[in-house]
Amino acid sequence: MSNNFLSSNFLRWLTLYLLLALAILLFIVNLFPQNSQGATSKNATPTMLAIKYIHQTATAMAKSATQVAAQATANANATATAIANNPIMLANAPVELPLTKLDAQGLMNDNANAKKAIINLIQKDPDLQGRLAALVMVYVGVDTNDPTKIANAQAVASKIEGILQNPSTDPAFVKSVYRSVVYVGTVTTVDNKMLTGTKDLSEADLEIYLYSPGP
């Protein structure tokens, strides 16, 4: 679907450039006298031949621009039809998964045990079994507005995303889009859950929006 959309945009821009070039050519033609009409190849001057060539080129470009515009319209219609026929359906409520007792320093140092602890929590969650996640919100909070703590929270959130994006972690996340939220104090999630930041980054929260199961 995204490829069709990009293709349609490209064709629209190409059409614009072709029409602009056509307008320039027609402007050049209008600068020459019009008494060259009907001249034969035997008595045609170089100027007359140039005008004839410009007319032919302009006509060809006009036809090409029309074809490109028609193709762009067809692609746009096909994209709209695909979206209408294949809407993205999500499950009614997200899966809330607290990641407790995090080893923040271990995560930032790529410690295998720190990563494994998160993987175990994810793989043991029954709500993720046999499902696909569309959107994953990663919440990591701190208790005070300290630049170092905030930077560490951002690093931890990035590490958690990296773990989820690894194909070996869980099949549920192979097609997911991620967004990290680093906050100070408290925050309300998209699903209206209140979270509180920690002083040692010992906890993070995942809000996982699953694709709706097929009929």
N, C-alpha and C. Protein backbone atom coordinates (compact mmCIF):
# COMPACT_ATOMS: atom_id res chain seq x y z
N MET A 1 0.83 -1.20 0.00
CA MET A 1 0.00 0.00 0.00
C MET A 1 0.86 1.25 0.00
N SER A 2 1.93 1.29 0.84
CA SER A 2 2.80 2.45 0.89
C SER A 2 3.53 2.64 -0.42
N ASN A 3 3.88 1.53 -1.12
CA ASN A 3 4.56 1.65 -2.40
C ASN A 3 3.68 2.31 -3.43
N ASN A 4 2.38 1.94 -3.44
CA ASN A 4 1.44 2.58 -4.37
C ASN A 4 1.33 4.06 -4.09
N PHE A 5 1.30 4.40 -2.81
CA PHE A 5 1.16 5.80 -2.43
C PHE A 5 2.36 6.60 -2.90
N LEU A 6 3.59 6.06 -2.66
CA LEU A 6 4.80 6.75 -3.08
C LEU A 6 4.85 6.87 -4.59
N SER A 7 4.43 5.80 -5.28
CA SER A 7 4.43 5.83 -6.74
C SER A 7 3.48 6.90 -7.24
N SER A 8 2.32 7.04 -6.62
CA SER A 8 1.36 8.05 -7.04
C SER A 8 1.93 9.45 -6.85
N ASN A 9 2.60 9.68 -5.72
CA ASN A 9 3.21 10.99 -5.49
C ASN A 9 4.28 11.29 -6.52
N PHE A 10 5.10 10.29 -6.84
CA PHE A 10 6.15 10.48 -7.83
C PHE A 10 5.55 10.84 -9.18
N LEU A 11 4.51 10.13 -9.57
CA LEU A 11 3.89 10.40 -10.86
C LEU A 11 3.26 11.78 -10.90
N ARG A 12 2.69 12.22 -9.79
CA ARG A 12 2.11 13.57 -9.76
C ARG A 12 3.18 14.64 -9.95
N TRP A 13 4.33 14.47 -9.28
CA TRP A 13 5.41 15.43 -9.45
C TRP A 13 5.96 15.40 -10.86
N LEU A 14 6.09 14.20 -11.43
CA LEU A 14 6.58 14.08 -12.80
C LEU A 14 5.63 14.78 -13.77
N THR A 15 4.33 14.63 -13.52
CA THR A 15 3.34 15.31 -14.36
C THR A 15 3.51 16.83 -14.29
N LEU A 16 3.74 17.33 -13.08
CA LEU A 16 3.92 18.77 -12.90
C LEU A 16 5.13 19.27 -13.68
N TYR A 17 6.24 18.52 -13.61
CA TYR A 17 7.44 18.94 -14.33
C TYR A 17 7.22 18.92 -15.85
N LEU A 18 6.52 17.89 -16.33
CA LEU A 18 6.26 17.81 -17.77
C LEU A 18 5.39 18.96 -18.24
N LEU A 19 4.37 19.29 -17.46
CA LEU A 19 3.50 20.40 -17.83
C LEU A 19 4.25 21.73 -17.80
N LEU A 20 5.16 21.88 -16.84
CA LEU A 20 5.96 23.09 -16.77
C LEU A 20 6.86 23.21 -17.99
N ALA A 21 7.49 22.10 -18.37
CA ALA A 21 8.35 22.11 -19.56
C ALA A 21 7.53 22.42 -20.81
N LEU A 22 6.31 21.88 -20.88
CA LEU A 22 5.43 22.15 -22.01
C LEU A 22 5.09 23.63 -22.10
N ALA A 23 4.81 24.25 -20.95
CA ALA A 23 4.48 25.67 -20.95
C ALA A 23 5.66 26.51 -21.43
N ILE A 24 6.87 26.12 -21.04
CA ILE A 24 8.07 26.85 -21.49
C ILE A 24 8.23 26.73 -23.00
N LEU A 25 8.03 25.52 -23.53
CA LEU A 25 8.16 25.32 -24.98
C LEU A 25 7.14 26.14 -25.75
N LEU A 26 5.90 26.15 -25.27
CA LEU A 26 4.87 26.93 -25.95
C LEU A 26 5.17 28.42 -25.88
N PHE A 27 5.75 28.87 -24.79
CA PHE A 27 6.13 30.27 -24.68
C PHE A 27 7.19 30.62 -25.71
N ILE A 28 8.16 29.70 -25.90
CA ILE A 28 9.22 29.93 -26.89
C ILE A 28 8.63 29.99 -28.29
N VAL A 29 7.68 29.10 -28.58
CA VAL A 29 7.04 29.09 -29.90
C VAL A 29 6.36 30.41 -30.18
N ASN A 30 5.69 30.96 -29.19
CA ASN A 30 4.95 32.20 -29.38
C ASN A 30 5.86 33.41 -29.60
N LEU A 31 7.15 33.25 -29.32
CA LEU A 31 8.08 34.35 -29.56
C LEU A 31 8.42 34.50 -31.04
N PHE A 32 8.19 33.44 -31.84
CA PHE A 32 8.52 33.48 -33.26
C PHE A 32 7.30 33.92 -34.07
N PRO A 33 7.54 34.51 -35.26
CA PRO A 33 6.43 34.92 -36.13
C PRO A 33 5.64 33.70 -36.56
N GLN A 34 4.35 33.92 -36.81
CA GLN A 34 3.47 32.82 -37.17
C GLN A 34 3.40 32.57 -38.68
N ASN A 35 4.14 33.35 -39.52
CA ASN A 35 4.06 33.17 -40.97
C ASN A 35 4.83 31.95 -41.45
N SER A 36 5.36 31.21 -40.53
CA SER A 36 6.09 30.00 -40.92
C SER A 36 5.16 28.83 -41.14
N GLN A 37 3.87 29.00 -40.85
CA GLN A 37 2.94 27.90 -41.01
C GLN A 37 2.85 27.51 -42.49
N GLY A 38 2.85 26.22 -42.76
CA GLY A 38 2.70 25.72 -44.12
C GLY A 38 3.99 25.68 -44.89
N ALA A 39 5.11 26.02 -44.32
CA ALA A 39 6.39 25.99 -45.03
C ALA A 39 6.76 24.56 -45.34
N THR A 40 7.32 24.35 -46.53
CA THR A 40 7.75 23.01 -46.92
C THR A 40 9.18 22.80 -46.48
N SER A 41 9.60 21.54 -46.49
CA SER A 41 10.96 21.23 -46.06
C SER A 41 12.00 21.81 -47.00
N LYS A 42 11.60 22.09 -48.28
CA LYS A 42 12.58 22.59 -49.25
C LYS A 42 12.94 24.04 -48.97
N ASN A 43 11.92 24.88 -48.68
CA ASN A 43 12.21 26.29 -48.50
C ASN A 43 12.17 26.72 -47.03
N ALA A 44 12.08 25.75 -46.10
CA ALA A 44 12.01 26.08 -44.69
C ALA A 44 13.36 26.58 -44.20
N THR A 45 13.33 27.67 -43.46
CA THR A 45 14.55 28.20 -42.88
C THR A 45 14.86 27.45 -41.59
N PRO A 46 16.09 27.58 -41.06
CA PRO A 46 16.40 26.93 -39.78
C PRO A 46 15.44 27.32 -38.68
N THR A 47 14.99 28.59 -38.69
CA THR A 47 14.04 29.03 -37.66
C THR A 47 12.73 28.29 -37.78
N MET A 48 12.24 28.12 -39.04
CA MET A 48 10.98 27.40 -39.26
C MET A 48 11.09 25.95 -38.81
N LEU A 49 12.22 25.32 -39.13
CA LEU A 49 12.42 23.93 -38.74
C LEU A 49 12.47 23.80 -37.21
N ALA A 50 13.09 24.79 -36.57
CA ALA A 50 13.17 24.77 -35.11
C ALA A 50 11.78 24.87 -34.50
N ILE A 51 10.94 25.76 -35.09
CA ILE A 51 9.58 25.91 -34.58
C ILE A 51 8.80 24.61 -34.77
N LYS A 52 8.96 23.99 -35.95
CA LYS A 52 8.27 22.72 -36.21
C LYS A 52 8.68 21.66 -35.20
N TYR A 53 9.99 21.61 -34.92
CA TYR A 53 10.49 20.62 -33.96
C TYR A 53 9.93 20.89 -32.57
N ILE A 54 9.87 22.17 -32.19
CA ILE A 54 9.34 22.52 -30.87
C ILE A 54 7.88 22.12 -30.76
N HIS A 55 7.11 22.36 -31.85
CA HIS A 55 5.69 21.97 -31.85
C HIS A 55 5.55 20.46 -31.66
N GLN A 56 6.37 19.70 -32.38
CA GLN A 56 6.30 18.24 -32.27
C GLN A 56 6.67 17.78 -30.86
N THR A 57 7.71 18.39 -30.31
CA THR A 57 8.14 18.03 -28.96
C THR A 57 7.07 18.37 -27.93
N ALA A 58 6.48 19.56 -28.08
CA ALA A 58 5.45 19.98 -27.15
C ALA A 58 4.24 19.05 -27.20
N THR A 59 3.87 18.64 -28.42
CA THR A 59 2.74 17.72 -28.56
C THR A 59 3.03 16.38 -27.90
N ALA A 60 4.25 15.88 -28.11
CA ALA A 60 4.62 14.59 -27.50
C ALA A 60 4.63 14.69 -25.98
N MET A 61 5.13 15.82 -25.47
CA MET A 61 5.18 15.98 -24.01
C MET A 61 3.78 16.11 -23.43
N ALA A 62 2.89 16.76 -24.18
CA ALA A 62 1.51 16.89 -23.70
C ALA A 62 0.85 15.52 -23.59
N LYS A 63 1.09 14.67 -24.61
CA LYS A 63 0.53 13.31 -24.56
C LYS A 63 1.12 12.53 -23.39
N SER A 64 2.44 12.69 -23.19
CA SER A 64 3.10 11.97 -22.10
C SER A 64 2.57 12.42 -20.75
N ALA A 65 2.38 13.74 -20.60
CA ALA A 65 1.86 14.27 -19.34
C ALA A 65 0.47 13.74 -19.06
N THR A 66 -0.35 13.64 -20.11
CA THR A 66 -1.70 13.11 -19.95
C THR A 66 -1.67 11.66 -19.49
N GLN A 67 -0.76 10.88 -20.08
CA GLN A 67 -0.65 9.47 -19.70
C GLN A 67 -0.17 9.33 -18.26
N VAL A 68 0.81 10.17 -17.88
CA VAL A 68 1.32 10.10 -16.51
C VAL A 68 0.23 10.48 -15.51
N ALA A 69 -0.53 11.52 -15.84
CA ALA A 69 -1.61 11.94 -14.95
C ALA A 69 -2.65 10.83 -14.79
N ALA A 70 -2.96 10.17 -15.90
CA ALA A 70 -3.94 9.07 -15.85
C ALA A 70 -3.42 7.93 -14.98
N GLN A 71 -2.11 7.63 -15.10
CA GLN A 71 -1.53 6.56 -14.30
C GLN A 71 -1.53 6.93 -12.82
N ALA A 72 -1.23 8.20 -12.52
CA ALA A 72 -1.24 8.65 -11.12
C ALA A 72 -2.63 8.52 -10.52
N THR A 73 -3.64 8.90 -11.31
CA THR A 73 -5.02 8.78 -10.84
C THR A 73 -5.39 7.33 -10.60
N ALA A 74 -4.98 6.46 -11.52
CA ALA A 74 -5.28 5.03 -11.37
C ALA A 74 -4.62 4.46 -10.12
N ASN A 75 -3.36 4.85 -9.87
CA ASN A 75 -2.66 4.36 -8.68
C ASN A 75 -3.31 4.86 -7.40
N ALA A 76 -3.71 6.15 -7.41
CA ALA A 76 -4.36 6.71 -6.23
C ALA A 76 -5.67 6.00 -5.95
N ASN A 77 -6.43 5.73 -7.01
CA ASN A 77 -7.70 5.01 -6.83
C ASN A 77 -7.48 3.60 -6.32
N ALA A 78 -6.43 2.94 -6.84
CA ALA A 78 -6.13 1.58 -6.39
C ALA A 78 -5.73 1.57 -4.92
N THR A 79 -4.95 2.59 -4.50
CA THR A 79 -4.54 2.68 -3.10
C THR A 79 -5.75 2.88 -2.20
N ALA A 80 -6.64 3.80 -2.60
CA ALA A 80 -7.83 4.06 -1.80
C ALA A 80 -8.70 2.82 -1.69
N THR A 81 -8.81 2.08 -2.79
CA THR A 81 -9.61 0.85 -2.78
C THR A 81 -8.99 -0.19 -1.86
N ALA A 82 -7.66 -0.31 -1.89
CA ALA A 82 -6.97 -1.28 -1.03
C ALA A 82 -7.18 -0.95 0.44
N ILE A 83 -7.11 0.35 0.77
CA ILE A 83 -7.32 0.75 2.17
C ILE A 83 -8.75 0.45 2.60
N ALA A 84 -9.70 0.73 1.71
CA ALA A 84 -11.11 0.50 2.05
C ALA A 84 -11.41 -0.99 2.22
N ASN A 85 -10.76 -1.82 1.40
CA ASN A 85 -11.04 -3.26 1.44
C ASN A 85 -10.24 -3.99 2.51
N ASN A 86 -9.14 -3.35 2.97
CA ASN A 86 -8.28 -4.02 3.95
C ASN A 86 -7.96 -3.08 5.11
N PRO A 87 -8.95 -2.67 5.88
CA PRO A 87 -8.68 -1.77 7.00
C PRO A 87 -7.86 -2.48 8.08
N ILE A 88 -7.04 -1.69 8.79
CA ILE A 88 -6.24 -2.25 9.89
C ILE A 88 -7.11 -2.26 11.14
N MET A 89 -7.37 -3.45 11.65
CA MET A 89 -8.23 -3.60 12.82
C MET A 89 -7.37 -3.99 14.02
N LEU A 90 -7.57 -3.26 15.13
CA LEU A 90 -6.84 -3.55 16.35
C LEU A 90 -7.77 -4.14 17.39
N ALA A 91 -7.18 -4.90 18.30
CA ALA A 91 -7.96 -5.43 19.42
C ALA A 91 -8.48 -4.28 20.26
N ASN A 92 -9.58 -4.52 20.96
CA ASN A 92 -10.25 -3.44 21.68
C ASN A 92 -9.39 -2.81 22.77
N ALA A 93 -8.63 -3.62 23.49
CA ALA A 93 -7.83 -3.10 24.60
C ALA A 93 -6.38 -3.56 24.44
N PRO A 94 -5.42 -2.70 24.80
CA PRO A 94 -4.01 -3.11 24.69
C PRO A 94 -3.62 -4.06 25.82
N VAL A 95 -2.52 -4.74 25.61
CA VAL A 95 -1.94 -5.59 26.66
C VAL A 95 -1.00 -4.71 27.48
N GLU A 96 -1.25 -4.65 28.79
CA GLU A 96 -0.39 -3.89 29.70
C GLU A 96 0.61 -4.85 30.32
N LEU A 97 1.90 -4.59 30.09
CA LEU A 97 2.93 -5.50 30.59
C LEU A 97 3.99 -4.72 31.36
N PRO A 98 3.93 -4.74 32.71
CA PRO A 98 4.98 -4.10 33.51
C PRO A 98 6.27 -4.91 33.44
N LEU A 99 7.38 -4.22 33.26
CA LEU A 99 8.69 -4.86 33.29
C LEU A 99 9.34 -4.46 34.61
N THR A 100 9.23 -5.34 35.60
CA THR A 100 9.69 -5.01 36.95
C THR A 100 11.09 -5.56 37.21
N LYS A 101 11.71 -5.00 38.24
CA LYS A 101 13.05 -5.41 38.68
C LYS A 101 14.06 -5.36 37.53
N LEU A 102 13.98 -4.27 36.77
CA LEU A 102 14.92 -4.10 35.66
C LEU A 102 16.33 -3.85 36.17
N ASP A 103 17.28 -4.37 35.45
CA ASP A 103 18.68 -4.06 35.70
C ASP A 103 19.07 -2.99 34.67
N ALA A 104 18.80 -1.73 35.02
CA ALA A 104 19.00 -0.64 34.07
C ALA A 104 20.45 -0.55 33.62
N GLN A 105 21.37 -0.65 34.57
CA GLN A 105 22.78 -0.55 34.21
C GLN A 105 23.19 -1.72 33.33
N GLY A 106 22.66 -2.90 33.64
CA GLY A 106 22.96 -4.07 32.82
C GLY A 106 22.43 -3.91 31.40
N LEU A 107 21.23 -3.34 31.26
CA LEU A 107 20.68 -3.11 29.92
C LEU A 107 21.55 -2.14 29.13
N MET A 108 21.97 -1.06 29.79
CA MET A 108 22.79 -0.07 29.09
C MET A 108 24.15 -0.65 28.69
N ASN A 109 24.60 -1.67 29.44
CA ASN A 109 25.88 -2.32 29.14
C ASN A 109 25.71 -3.57 28.28
N ASP A 110 24.48 -3.80 27.78
CA ASP A 110 24.19 -4.97 26.95
C ASP A 110 24.47 -6.29 27.68
N ASN A 111 24.16 -6.31 28.96
CA ASN A 111 24.35 -7.52 29.74
C ASN A 111 23.32 -8.57 29.33
N ALA A 112 23.77 -9.79 29.07
CA ALA A 112 22.89 -10.85 28.58
C ALA A 112 21.80 -11.20 29.59
N ASN A 113 22.14 -11.24 30.87
CA ASN A 113 21.14 -11.59 31.89
C ASN A 113 20.06 -10.52 32.00
N ALA A 114 20.45 -9.26 31.88
CA ALA A 114 19.47 -8.17 31.94
C ALA A 114 18.50 -8.26 30.78
N LYS A 115 18.99 -8.61 29.61
CA LYS A 115 18.12 -8.78 28.44
C LYS A 115 17.22 -10.00 28.60
N LYS A 116 17.78 -11.08 29.11
CA LYS A 116 17.02 -12.32 29.26
C LYS A 116 15.85 -12.15 30.21
N ALA A 117 16.02 -11.33 31.24
CA ALA A 117 14.93 -11.10 32.20
C ALA A 117 13.72 -10.49 31.50
N ILE A 118 13.96 -9.57 30.57
CA ILE A 118 12.86 -8.94 29.83
C ILE A 118 12.24 -9.94 28.86
N ILE A 119 13.08 -10.70 28.18
CA ILE A 119 12.57 -11.69 27.23
C ILE A 119 11.68 -12.71 27.93
N ASN A 120 12.07 -13.13 29.13
CA ASN A 120 11.27 -14.11 29.88
C ASN A 120 9.89 -13.55 30.22
N LEU A 121 9.84 -12.28 30.64
CA LEU A 121 8.55 -11.67 30.97
C LEU A 121 7.64 -11.62 29.75
N ILE A 122 8.21 -11.32 28.61
CA ILE A 122 7.42 -11.21 27.38
C ILE A 122 6.93 -12.58 26.92
N GLN A 123 7.82 -13.54 26.91
CA GLN A 123 7.46 -14.86 26.39
C GLN A 123 6.47 -15.60 27.29
N LYS A 124 6.40 -15.23 28.56
CA LYS A 124 5.49 -15.90 29.49
C LYS A 124 4.10 -15.26 29.53
N ASP A 125 3.94 -14.13 28.85
CA ASP A 125 2.64 -13.45 28.89
C ASP A 125 1.65 -14.19 27.98
N PRO A 126 0.58 -14.76 28.53
CA PRO A 126 -0.36 -15.54 27.71
C PRO A 126 -1.13 -14.69 26.70
N ASP A 127 -1.26 -13.39 26.97
CA ASP A 127 -2.03 -12.52 26.06
C ASP A 127 -1.30 -12.27 24.74
N LEU A 128 -0.02 -12.61 24.69
CA LEU A 128 0.75 -12.39 23.46
C LEU A 128 0.91 -13.65 22.63
N GLN A 129 0.48 -14.77 23.17
CA GLN A 129 0.66 -16.04 22.47
C GLN A 129 -0.16 -16.07 21.18
N GLY A 130 0.52 -16.32 20.07
CA GLY A 130 -0.15 -16.44 18.79
C GLY A 130 -0.73 -15.15 18.25
N ARG A 131 -0.30 -14.01 18.77
CA ARG A 131 -0.82 -12.71 18.33
C ARG A 131 0.28 -11.88 17.69
N LEU A 132 -0.11 -10.81 17.01
CA LEU A 132 0.84 -9.88 16.40
C LEU A 132 0.60 -8.49 16.97
N ALA A 133 1.68 -7.83 17.36
CA ALA A 133 1.58 -6.48 17.92
C ALA A 133 1.71 -5.45 16.80
N ALA A 134 0.78 -4.51 16.76
CA ALA A 134 0.84 -3.44 15.76
C ALA A 134 1.65 -2.25 16.28
N LEU A 135 1.39 -1.86 17.51
CA LEU A 135 2.05 -0.70 18.12
C LEU A 135 2.49 -1.05 19.53
N VAL A 136 3.73 -0.69 19.86
CA VAL A 136 4.25 -0.93 21.20
C VAL A 136 4.72 0.40 21.79
N MET A 137 4.10 0.79 22.89
CA MET A 137 4.51 1.98 23.63
C MET A 137 5.41 1.54 24.77
N VAL A 138 6.60 2.13 24.85
CA VAL A 138 7.56 1.80 25.91
C VAL A 138 7.66 3.01 26.84
N TYR A 139 7.22 2.83 28.08
CA TYR A 139 7.24 3.91 29.07
C TYR A 139 8.37 3.66 30.07
N VAL A 140 9.24 4.66 30.23
CA VAL A 140 10.29 4.60 31.23
C VAL A 140 10.30 5.95 31.95
N GLY A 141 10.14 5.91 33.29
CA GLY A 141 10.03 7.15 34.04
C GLY A 141 11.08 7.30 35.13
N VAL A 142 11.35 8.55 35.48
CA VAL A 142 12.27 8.87 36.58
C VAL A 142 11.53 9.72 37.60
N ASP A 143 12.08 9.79 38.80
CA ASP A 143 11.38 10.49 39.87
C ASP A 143 11.66 11.99 39.89
N THR A 144 12.82 12.41 39.39
CA THR A 144 13.17 13.83 39.42
C THR A 144 13.68 14.28 38.05
N ASN A 145 13.60 15.58 37.84
CA ASN A 145 14.02 16.16 36.56
C ASN A 145 15.54 16.35 36.54
N ASP A 146 16.22 15.22 36.50
CA ASP A 146 17.68 15.21 36.49
C ASP A 146 18.17 14.81 35.10
N PRO A 147 19.00 15.64 34.46
CA PRO A 147 19.43 15.34 33.08
C PRO A 147 20.08 13.97 32.92
N THR A 148 20.87 13.57 33.90
CA THR A 148 21.53 12.26 33.80
C THR A 148 20.52 11.13 33.87
N LYS A 149 19.57 11.25 34.79
CA LYS A 149 18.54 10.21 34.91
C LYS A 149 17.69 10.12 33.64
N ILE A 150 17.36 11.29 33.10
CA ILE A 150 16.54 11.30 31.88
C ILE A 150 17.30 10.67 30.72
N ALA A 151 18.59 10.98 30.61
CA ALA A 151 19.40 10.38 29.54
C ALA A 151 19.48 8.87 29.71
N ASN A 152 19.63 8.41 30.95
CA ASN A 152 19.68 6.97 31.21
C ASN A 152 18.34 6.31 30.89
N ALA A 153 17.25 7.00 31.22
CA ALA A 153 15.92 6.47 30.91
C ALA A 153 15.73 6.31 29.41
N GLN A 154 16.20 7.29 28.65
CA GLN A 154 16.12 7.20 27.19
C GLN A 154 16.95 6.03 26.67
N ALA A 155 18.12 5.82 27.28
CA ALA A 155 18.97 4.70 26.87
C ALA A 155 18.29 3.36 27.17
N VAL A 156 17.66 3.26 28.35
CA VAL A 156 16.97 2.02 28.72
C VAL A 156 15.80 1.75 27.78
N ALA A 157 15.04 2.80 27.46
CA ALA A 157 13.91 2.63 26.54
C ALA A 157 14.40 2.14 25.18
N SER A 158 15.51 2.70 24.72
CA SER A 158 16.07 2.28 23.43
C SER A 158 16.51 0.82 23.47
N LYS A 159 17.10 0.40 24.59
CA LYS A 159 17.54 -0.99 24.72
C LYS A 159 16.34 -1.94 24.73
N ILE A 160 15.26 -1.54 25.39
CA ILE A 160 14.06 -2.38 25.42
C ILE A 160 13.49 -2.53 24.01
N GLU A 161 13.44 -1.43 23.27
CA GLU A 161 12.97 -1.50 21.89
C GLU A 161 13.84 -2.46 21.08
N GLY A 162 15.15 -2.37 21.27
CA GLY A 162 16.06 -3.25 20.54
C GLY A 162 15.81 -4.72 20.84
N ILE A 163 15.50 -5.03 22.10
CA ILE A 163 15.21 -6.41 22.48
C ILE A 163 13.94 -6.90 21.79
N LEU A 164 12.91 -6.05 21.77
CA LEU A 164 11.65 -6.44 21.14
C LEU A 164 11.79 -6.59 19.63
N GLN A 165 12.63 -5.78 19.02
CA GLN A 165 12.80 -5.82 17.57
C GLN A 165 13.62 -7.02 17.12
N ASN A 166 14.31 -7.66 18.04
CA ASN A 166 15.09 -8.85 17.69
C ASN A 166 14.13 -10.00 17.36
N PRO A 167 14.21 -10.56 16.15
CA PRO A 167 13.26 -11.62 15.75
C PRO A 167 13.25 -12.82 16.68
N SER A 168 14.34 -13.05 17.41
CA SER A 168 14.40 -14.22 18.28
C SER A 168 13.67 -14.00 19.61
N THR A 169 13.28 -12.75 19.90
CA THR A 169 12.62 -12.48 21.19
C THR A 169 11.24 -13.09 21.24
N ASP A 170 10.38 -12.71 20.29
CA ASP A 170 9.01 -13.22 20.26
C ASP A 170 8.40 -12.91 18.90
N PRO A 171 7.73 -13.88 18.27
CA PRO A 171 7.12 -13.63 16.96
C PRO A 171 6.04 -12.54 16.99
N ALA A 172 5.56 -12.20 18.17
CA ALA A 172 4.49 -11.21 18.26
C ALA A 172 4.93 -9.83 17.78
N PHE A 173 6.24 -9.58 17.75
CA PHE A 173 6.72 -8.22 17.49
C PHE A 173 7.39 -8.05 16.13
N VAL A 174 7.17 -8.98 15.21
CA VAL A 174 7.88 -8.92 13.93
C VAL A 174 7.37 -7.79 13.03
N LYS A 175 6.16 -7.28 13.27
CA LYS A 175 5.60 -6.22 12.42
C LYS A 175 5.20 -4.99 13.24
N SER A 176 5.87 -4.76 14.33
CA SER A 176 5.46 -3.71 15.25
C SER A 176 6.08 -2.36 14.92
N VAL A 177 5.35 -1.31 15.30
CA VAL A 177 5.86 0.05 15.30
C VAL A 177 6.07 0.44 16.76
N TYR A 178 7.17 1.15 17.05
CA TYR A 178 7.53 1.45 18.43
C TYR A 178 7.53 2.95 18.70
N ARG A 179 7.16 3.28 19.93
CA ARG A 179 7.29 4.66 20.38
C ARG A 179 7.65 4.63 21.86
N SER A 180 8.72 5.33 22.21
CA SER A 180 9.16 5.39 23.60
C SER A 180 8.70 6.70 24.24
N VAL A 181 8.28 6.61 25.50
CA VAL A 181 7.88 7.78 26.27
C VAL A 181 8.71 7.81 27.54
N VAL A 182 9.57 8.81 27.64
CA VAL A 182 10.36 9.01 28.85
C VAL A 182 9.73 10.16 29.62
N TYR A 183 9.42 9.95 30.89
CA TYR A 183 8.68 10.95 31.64
C TYR A 183 9.30 11.17 33.02
N VAL A 184 8.92 12.29 33.62
CA VAL A 184 9.37 12.65 34.96
C VAL A 184 8.16 12.69 35.88
N GLY A 185 8.26 12.00 37.02
CA GLY A 185 7.15 11.99 37.98
C GLY A 185 6.10 10.98 37.60
N THR A 186 4.97 11.46 37.08
CA THR A 186 3.88 10.57 36.68
C THR A 186 3.45 10.88 35.26
N VAL A 187 2.79 9.91 34.65
CA VAL A 187 2.28 10.08 33.30
C VAL A 187 1.05 9.22 33.14
N THR A 188 0.15 9.65 32.27
CA THR A 188 -1.02 8.85 31.93
C THR A 188 -0.80 8.25 30.55
N THR A 189 -0.94 6.96 30.45
CA THR A 189 -0.69 6.28 29.18
C THR A 189 -1.83 6.55 28.19
N VAL A 190 -1.63 6.09 26.97
CA VAL A 190 -2.67 6.23 25.95
C VAL A 190 -3.95 5.54 26.40
N ASP A 191 -3.80 4.46 27.15
CA ASP A 191 -4.95 3.70 27.63
C ASP A 191 -5.42 4.18 29.01
N ASN A 192 -5.00 5.40 29.39
CA ASN A 192 -5.44 6.05 30.63
C ASN A 192 -5.01 5.32 31.89
N LYS A 193 -3.82 4.76 31.87
CA LYS A 193 -3.25 4.15 33.06
C LYS A 193 -2.21 5.09 33.64
N MET A 194 -2.25 5.29 34.97
CA MET A 194 -1.30 6.19 35.62
C MET A 194 -0.02 5.44 35.98
N LEU A 195 1.12 6.00 35.55
CA LEU A 195 2.42 5.40 35.85
C LEU A 195 3.25 6.39 36.67
N THR A 196 4.14 5.84 37.49
CA THR A 196 5.01 6.67 38.33
C THR A 196 6.46 6.30 38.08
N GLY A 197 7.29 7.30 37.85
CA GLY A 197 8.70 7.06 37.60
C GLY A 197 9.44 6.57 38.83
N THR A 198 10.53 5.87 38.63
CA THR A 198 11.32 5.33 39.74
C THR A 198 12.64 6.09 39.85
N LYS A 199 13.27 5.98 41.01
CA LYS A 199 14.54 6.69 41.21
C LYS A 199 15.73 5.93 40.63
N ASP A 200 15.55 4.62 40.40
CA ASP A 200 16.67 3.80 39.94
C ASP A 200 16.39 3.09 38.61
N LEU A 201 15.34 3.52 37.91
CA LEU A 201 14.98 2.92 36.61
C LEU A 201 14.77 1.41 36.74
N SER A 202 14.16 1.00 37.83
CA SER A 202 13.97 -0.42 38.07
C SER A 202 12.69 -0.96 37.45
N GLU A 203 11.93 -0.09 36.78
CA GLU A 203 10.68 -0.55 36.18
C GLU A 203 10.38 0.22 34.90
N ALA A 204 9.84 -0.50 33.94
CA ALA A 204 9.32 0.11 32.71
C ALA A 204 7.97 -0.53 32.44
N ASP A 205 7.23 0.06 31.53
CA ASP A 205 5.90 -0.47 31.21
C ASP A 205 5.72 -0.52 29.70
N LEU A 206 5.14 -1.63 29.25
CA LEU A 206 4.82 -1.78 27.84
C LEU A 206 3.31 -1.70 27.67
N GLU A 207 2.89 -0.95 26.69
CA GLU A 207 1.48 -0.88 26.30
C GLU A 207 1.43 -1.39 24.87
N ILE A 208 0.88 -2.59 24.69
CA ILE A 208 0.99 -3.30 23.42
C ILE A 208 -0.37 -3.38 22.75
N TYR A 209 -0.48 -2.78 21.58
CA TYR A 209 -1.72 -2.80 20.81
C TYR A 209 -1.62 -3.90 19.76
N LEU A 210 -2.49 -4.89 19.89
CA LEU A 210 -2.44 -6.07 19.03
C LEU A 210 -3.37 -5.92 17.83
N TYR A 211 -2.96 -6.56 16.74
CA TYR A 211 -3.88 -6.67 15.61
C TYR A 211 -5.06 -7.53 16.03
N SER A 212 -6.23 -7.16 15.55
CA SER A 212 -7.41 -7.96 15.85
C SER A 212 -7.29 -9.32 15.16
N PRO A 213 -7.63 -10.40 15.85
CA PRO A 213 -7.55 -11.72 15.20
C PRO A 213 -8.51 -11.81 14.03
N GLY A 214 -8.14 -12.58 13.04
CA GLY A 214 -8.98 -12.72 11.86
C GLY A 214 -10.29 -13.40 12.17
N PRO A 215 -11.24 -13.31 11.21
CA PRO A 215 -12.56 -13.92 11.43
C PRO A 215 -12.48 -15.43 11.53
